[in-house]
């Protein structure tokens, strides 16, 4: 739940004062008008103090922009440590307007996850609500690059990433032949099989590995019963846990692995089941994490050691 549902009169005056001060400081700053999901917005051509409330920090870093606030926090994955020193790290559910205002941003990026704050944020600095989400990062990345004038940086990164993913995917498929893969994830109340989302996106889109028969090809994720989970019977299984109650999720996972049906699966018989901890299975969520994820999958499947 967001902290601010509305803006008090006192706060509105404070925001307006800040905005006026920022406008005066802008001085000779060059601006351009961009089309967004909320209409046309006038933004700096070269923003220097970007607030990211859209889970877009990794794309920003790739494009050479270090934000002043990021929704990547507060617990950073290892691959981001040292890259966001001095950046205010927040959760989207706890964003406070006054904290954003205090950073004096010259551009704010939002998504539908923070749209309740949109009107208040526009009083602080030019605010762009991105159409895409991190689930559709390949569509959102070009949207961001176009807005920020960073198409060159994006294209260079994508080219090297796609080449690396293809090389690793080909290497895995050469060894595993026609083997199929699946990503099972459990929370406190559900069993899920993932399609092309999160680590599933890395497995089935970027690496091009064959998806288990019956797995969701059109949907990002499908909730299944314990009985139906066994019908997929892939050659390789990646297991993950998520949610606020990991102890209960672990109990559900333990129940699954203790069942008679579990031992009959091909992946279990052949030792091709890989248990991933909570942050690891979601490595494939954002671009820089995807680079780590393709290496992790390669090392697990091909049994390589670092």
Protein backbone atom coordinates (compact mmCIF):
# COMPACT_ATOMS: atom_id res chain seq x y z
CA UNK A 1 0.00 0.00 0.00
CA UNK A 2 1.35 3.42 -0.90
CA UNK A 3 1.99 5.94 1.83
CA UNK A 4 0.42 8.86 -0.01
CA UNK A 5 -3.11 8.68 -1.33
CA UNK A 6 -3.36 12.44 -1.65
CA UNK A 7 -1.31 15.58 -1.21
CA UNK A 8 -1.97 17.96 1.67
CA UNK A 9 -2.20 21.71 1.06
CA UNK A 10 1.05 22.29 2.96
CA UNK A 11 2.81 19.57 1.00
CA UNK A 12 1.49 20.91 -2.31
CA UNK A 13 2.93 24.31 -1.54
CA UNK A 14 6.26 22.74 -0.63
CA UNK A 15 6.33 20.72 -3.84
CA UNK A 16 5.45 23.79 -5.89
CA UNK A 17 8.24 25.73 -4.20
CA UNK A 18 10.73 22.98 -4.93
CA UNK A 19 9.61 22.78 -8.56
CA UNK A 20 10.02 26.54 -8.99
CA UNK A 21 13.51 26.35 -7.51
CA UNK A 22 14.42 23.47 -9.79
CA UNK A 23 13.16 25.42 -12.81
CA UNK A 24 15.35 28.37 -11.90
CA UNK A 25 18.36 26.08 -11.46
CA UNK A 26 17.70 24.48 -14.84
CA UNK A 27 18.70 27.72 -16.54
CA UNK A 28 20.29 26.74 -19.82
CA UNK A 29 19.26 23.07 -19.64
CA UNK A 30 18.20 21.75 -23.03
CA UNK A 31 14.77 20.11 -23.15
CA UNK A 32 12.88 17.92 -25.59
CA UNK A 33 9.30 16.70 -25.78
CA UNK A 34 8.64 12.96 -25.69
CA UNK A 35 5.45 10.98 -26.18
CA UNK A 36 4.50 8.77 -23.23
CA UNK A 37 1.56 6.66 -22.10
CA UNK A 38 0.37 9.77 -20.22
CA UNK A 39 0.76 12.15 -23.14
CA UNK A 40 3.58 14.45 -24.14
CA UNK A 41 6.17 15.34 -21.50
CA UNK A 42 8.97 17.88 -21.68
CA UNK A 43 12.16 16.36 -20.26
CA UNK A 44 15.86 17.30 -20.10
CA UNK A 45 17.88 16.06 -23.07
CA UNK A 46 20.66 15.02 -20.68
CA UNK A 47 19.07 14.32 -17.27
CA UNK A 48 21.55 14.26 -14.40
CA UNK A 49 19.36 13.34 -11.42
CA UNK A 50 17.04 10.51 -12.42
CA UNK A 51 14.68 8.88 -9.94
CA UNK A 52 13.79 5.32 -10.95
CA UNK A 53 10.45 4.12 -9.58
CA UNK A 54 9.94 1.67 -12.45
CA UNK A 55 12.40 -1.14 -11.71
CA UNK A 56 14.48 0.22 -14.59
CA UNK A 57 17.80 0.77 -12.83
CA UNK A 58 19.72 -1.93 -14.66
CA UNK A 59 18.71 -0.53 -18.03
CA UNK A 60 19.78 2.92 -16.81
CA UNK A 61 23.19 1.60 -15.74
CA UNK A 62 23.68 -0.08 -19.11
CA UNK A 63 22.93 3.27 -20.76
CA UNK A 64 25.46 5.06 -18.55
CA UNK A 65 22.98 6.70 -16.17
CA UNK A 66 23.29 6.21 -12.42
CA UNK A 67 19.99 7.14 -10.75
CA UNK A 68 19.73 9.06 -7.49
CA UNK A 69 16.89 6.80 -6.30
CA UNK A 70 16.19 3.21 -7.29
CA UNK A 71 13.56 0.56 -6.66
CA UNK A 72 16.30 -2.09 -6.79
CA UNK A 73 16.58 -2.07 -2.99
CA UNK A 74 17.02 -2.36 -0.21
CA UNK A 75 18.72 -5.75 -0.59
CA UNK A 76 20.92 -5.62 -3.67
CA UNK A 77 22.01 -8.76 -5.52
CA UNK A 78 25.75 -9.34 -5.48
CA UNK A 79 26.23 -8.29 -9.09
CA UNK A 80 24.93 -4.77 -8.30
CA UNK A 81 26.98 -4.18 -5.18
CA UNK A 82 29.31 -1.25 -5.68
CA UNK A 83 27.35 0.00 -8.70
CA UNK A 84 24.73 1.90 -6.69
CA UNK A 85 26.80 3.45 -3.91
CA UNK A 86 25.15 6.65 -2.73
CA UNK A 87 21.84 5.82 -4.41
CA UNK A 88 18.67 5.92 -2.28
CA UNK A 89 17.26 2.37 -2.39
CA UNK A 90 13.51 1.90 -1.86
CA UNK A 91 10.64 -0.51 -2.41
CA UNK A 92 7.82 0.62 -4.70
CA UNK A 93 5.36 0.00 -1.88
CA UNK A 94 7.13 2.44 0.45
CA UNK A 95 8.00 5.35 -1.85
CA UNK A 96 7.52 8.70 -0.10
CA UNK A 97 6.92 11.83 -2.12
CA UNK A 98 8.96 13.99 0.25
CA UNK A 99 11.96 11.66 -0.14
CA UNK A 100 11.77 11.98 -3.91
CA UNK A 101 11.42 15.75 -3.62
CA UNK A 102 14.46 16.01 -1.33
CA UNK A 103 16.66 14.51 -4.04
CA UNK A 104 15.77 17.34 -6.45
CA UNK A 105 15.44 15.08 -9.50
CA UNK A 106 15.31 16.44 -13.02
CA UNK A 107 13.53 13.32 -14.34
CA UNK A 108 11.33 10.69 -12.70
CA UNK A 109 10.58 7.30 -14.28
CA UNK A 110 7.46 5.48 -13.12
CA UNK A 111 5.37 2.50 -14.17
CA UNK A 112 1.85 1.26 -13.52
CA UNK A 113 3.18 -0.06 -10.19
CA UNK A 114 3.51 3.50 -8.88
CA UNK A 115 0.82 5.24 -10.91
CA UNK A 116 -1.08 6.31 -7.77
CA UNK A 117 1.75 8.76 -7.11
CA UNK A 118 1.96 10.04 -10.68
CA UNK A 119 0.12 13.34 -10.21
CA UNK A 120 2.16 14.22 -7.12
CA UNK A 121 5.44 13.31 -8.80
CA UNK A 122 4.71 15.55 -11.78
CA UNK A 123 4.74 18.51 -9.39
CA UNK A 124 8.35 17.72 -8.50
CA UNK A 125 9.99 17.07 -11.88
CA UNK A 126 9.18 15.88 -15.42
CA UNK A 127 7.68 12.42 -14.96
CA UNK A 128 7.55 9.65 -17.56
CA UNK A 129 5.34 6.63 -16.96
CA UNK A 130 6.81 3.78 -18.98
CA UNK A 131 4.35 1.61 -20.88
CA UNK A 132 6.28 -1.61 -20.42
CA UNK A 133 7.10 -3.58 -17.30
CA UNK A 134 10.13 -5.68 -16.41
CA UNK A 135 8.24 -8.77 -17.57
CA UNK A 136 8.36 -7.30 -21.08
CA UNK A 137 11.87 -5.88 -20.84
CA UNK A 138 12.69 -6.28 -24.54
CA UNK A 139 9.83 -3.93 -25.38
CA UNK A 140 10.51 -1.54 -22.51
CA UNK A 141 14.25 -1.21 -23.10
CA UNK A 142 13.82 0.42 -26.55
CA UNK A 143 11.11 2.66 -25.08
CA UNK A 144 13.57 3.90 -22.45
CA UNK A 145 16.45 4.20 -24.91
CA UNK A 146 14.34 6.30 -27.26
CA UNK A 147 13.20 8.61 -24.47
CA UNK A 148 16.75 9.06 -23.16
CA UNK A 149 18.51 9.14 -26.53
CA UNK A 150 20.58 6.08 -25.64
CA UNK A 151 19.78 3.73 -28.53
CA UNK A 152 23.48 3.16 -29.30
CA UNK A 153 24.27 1.99 -25.77
CA UNK A 154 21.23 -0.27 -25.71
CA UNK A 155 21.97 -1.85 -29.09
CA UNK A 156 25.59 -2.54 -28.19
CA UNK A 157 24.62 -4.25 -24.94
CA UNK A 158 21.83 -6.30 -26.51
CA UNK A 159 24.12 -7.45 -29.33
CA UNK A 160 26.75 -8.80 -26.95
CA UNK A 161 24.16 -10.32 -24.61
CA UNK A 162 22.25 -12.08 -27.38
CA UNK A 163 25.50 -13.41 -28.88
CA UNK A 164 26.60 -14.76 -25.50
CA UNK A 165 23.17 -16.29 -24.82
CA UNK A 166 23.14 -18.00 -28.22
CA UNK A 167 26.62 -19.41 -27.68
CA UNK A 168 25.71 -20.80 -24.26
CA UNK A 169 22.31 -22.05 -25.45
CA UNK A 170 23.92 -23.90 -28.36
CA UNK A 171 26.49 -25.41 -25.99
CA UNK A 172 23.77 -26.68 -23.65
CA UNK A 173 21.61 -28.07 -26.46
CA UNK A 174 24.61 -29.85 -28.00
CA UNK A 175 25.15 -31.78 -24.77
CA UNK A 176 21.51 -32.23 -23.69
CA UNK A 177 20.29 -33.19 -27.19
CA UNK A 178 16.47 -32.96 -27.31
CA UNK A 179 16.06 -32.56 -23.56
CA UNK A 180 13.24 -30.39 -22.22
CA UNK A 181 13.39 -27.91 -19.35
CA UNK A 182 10.97 -26.54 -16.74
CA UNK A 183 10.96 -23.93 -14.00
CA UNK A 184 8.84 -24.85 -10.97
CA UNK A 185 8.38 -22.24 -8.26
CA UNK A 186 6.50 -22.64 -4.98
CA UNK A 187 5.11 -20.13 -2.51
CA UNK A 188 3.15 -20.69 0.68
CA UNK A 189 -0.05 -21.64 -1.16
CA UNK A 190 0.73 -22.46 -4.80
CA UNK A 191 2.76 -24.55 -7.18
CA UNK A 192 3.68 -22.66 -10.32
CA UNK A 193 5.26 -23.58 -13.62
CA UNK A 194 6.77 -20.66 -15.49
CA UNK A 195 6.71 -19.91 -19.18
CA UNK A 196 8.76 -17.07 -20.61
CA UNK A 197 9.02 -14.95 -17.47
CA UNK A 198 11.88 -14.24 -15.06
CA UNK A 199 14.34 -17.16 -15.22
CA UNK A 200 11.91 -18.84 -17.63
CA UNK A 201 12.52 -15.98 -20.06
CA UNK A 202 16.25 -16.71 -19.88
CA UNK A 203 15.74 -20.46 -20.36
CA UNK A 204 13.20 -20.41 -23.17
CA UNK A 205 13.75 -17.10 -24.96
CA UNK A 206 17.37 -16.09 -24.53
CA UNK A 207 18.99 -19.54 -24.39
CA UNK A 208 16.34 -21.06 -26.66
CA UNK A 209 16.04 -24.26 -24.61
CA UNK A 210 13.07 -26.57 -25.31
CA UNK A 211 10.14 -26.10 -22.95
CA UNK A 212 8.55 -29.10 -21.25
CA UNK A 213 5.50 -30.46 -23.05
CA UNK A 214 2.36 -28.84 -21.64
CA UNK A 215 4.17 -25.91 -20.00
CA UNK A 216 2.59 -22.47 -20.58
CA UNK A 217 3.80 -21.24 -23.96
CA UNK A 218 1.35 -18.37 -24.28
CA UNK A 219 1.12 -17.38 -20.62
CA UNK A 220 3.96 -16.16 -18.41
CA UNK A 221 3.05 -18.46 -15.54
CA UNK A 222 0.46 -21.10 -14.69
CA UNK A 223 -0.76 -22.22 -11.28
CA UNK A 224 -1.04 -26.00 -11.15
CA UNK A 225 -2.01 -28.69 -8.68
CA UNK A 226 0.59 -31.04 -7.26
CA UNK A 227 -0.85 -33.87 -9.36
CA UNK A 228 -0.67 -31.88 -12.60
CA UNK A 229 2.85 -30.71 -11.86
CA UNK A 230 4.09 -34.23 -12.50
CA UNK A 231 2.47 -34.48 -15.94
CA UNK A 232 5.09 -32.23 -17.52
CA UNK A 233 7.97 -34.64 -16.75
CA UNK A 234 10.83 -32.54 -18.19
CA UNK A 235 14.42 -33.75 -18.48
CA UNK A 236 15.74 -30.82 -16.43
CA UNK A 237 13.99 -29.04 -13.56
CA UNK A 238 14.87 -25.75 -11.90
CA UNK A 239 13.18 -25.25 -8.52
CA UNK A 240 12.60 -21.97 -6.72
CA UNK A 241 10.81 -20.48 -3.71
CA UNK A 242 9.23 -17.07 -3.37
CA UNK A 243 6.92 -15.04 -1.16
CA UNK A 244 6.95 -13.54 2.30
CA UNK A 245 6.61 -16.89 4.10
CA UNK A 246 9.49 -18.95 2.77
CA UNK A 247 9.28 -21.46 5.63
CA UNK A 248 5.78 -22.53 4.54
CA UNK A 249 6.83 -22.48 0.89
CA UNK A 250 9.74 -24.76 1.75
CA UNK A 251 7.32 -27.12 3.50
CA UNK A 252 5.20 -27.32 0.33
CA UNK A 253 8.31 -28.00 -1.69
CA UNK A 254 9.42 -30.70 0.75
CA UNK A 255 5.99 -32.35 0.49
CA UNK A 256 6.33 -32.41 -3.28
CA UNK A 257 9.80 -33.96 -3.18
CA UNK A 258 8.71 -36.61 -0.66
CA UNK A 259 5.82 -37.81 -2.80
CA UNK A 260 5.97 -41.11 -4.68
CA UNK A 261 5.38 -39.40 -8.02
CA UNK A 262 8.39 -37.13 -7.61
CA UNK A 263 10.83 -40.03 -7.67
CA UNK A 264 9.41 -41.22 -11.00
CA UNK A 265 10.28 -38.03 -12.90
CA UNK A 266 13.08 -38.26 -15.47
CA UNK A 267 14.90 -35.23 -14.09
CA UNK A 268 14.89 -36.70 -10.58
CA UNK A 269 16.09 -40.13 -11.72
CA UNK A 270 18.96 -38.59 -13.70
CA UNK A 271 20.06 -36.03 -11.13
CA UNK A 272 18.95 -33.07 -13.23
CA UNK A 273 17.09 -31.12 -10.54
CA UNK A 274 18.58 -27.78 -9.48
CA UNK A 275 17.36 -26.10 -6.30
CA UNK A 276 17.79 -22.33 -6.43
CA UNK A 277 17.50 -20.07 -3.39
CA UNK A 278 15.08 -17.15 -3.30
CA UNK A 279 17.23 -14.43 -4.92
CA UNK A 280 18.94 -16.82 -7.36
CA UNK A 281 15.88 -18.17 -9.19
CA UNK A 282 14.76 -14.60 -9.94
CA UNK A 283 18.16 -13.62 -11.38
CA UNK A 284 16.63 -13.47 -14.84
CA UNK A 285 14.33 -10.58 -13.95
CA UNK A 286 16.52 -7.67 -15.08
CA UNK A 287 19.15 -7.29 -17.84
CA UNK A 288 22.38 -7.39 -15.83
CA UNK A 289 21.00 -10.28 -13.80
CA UNK A 290 20.20 -12.13 -17.02
CA UNK A 291 23.90 -12.15 -17.87
CA UNK A 292 24.58 -13.89 -14.57
CA UNK A 293 21.62 -16.22 -15.09
CA UNK A 294 22.77 -17.61 -18.44
CA UNK A 295 26.17 -18.37 -16.91
CA UNK A 296 24.52 -20.04 -13.92
CA UNK A 297 22.33 -22.24 -16.12
CA UNK A 298 25.35 -23.23 -18.21
CA UNK A 299 27.40 -24.13 -15.13
CA UNK A 300 24.58 -26.19 -13.58
CA UNK A 301 23.53 -28.12 -16.68
CA UNK A 302 27.05 -28.68 -18.01
CA UNK A 303 28.36 -29.22 -14.46
CA UNK A 304 31.05 -26.60 -14.81
CA UNK A 305 32.80 -25.23 -11.77
CA UNK A 306 33.88 -21.64 -11.31
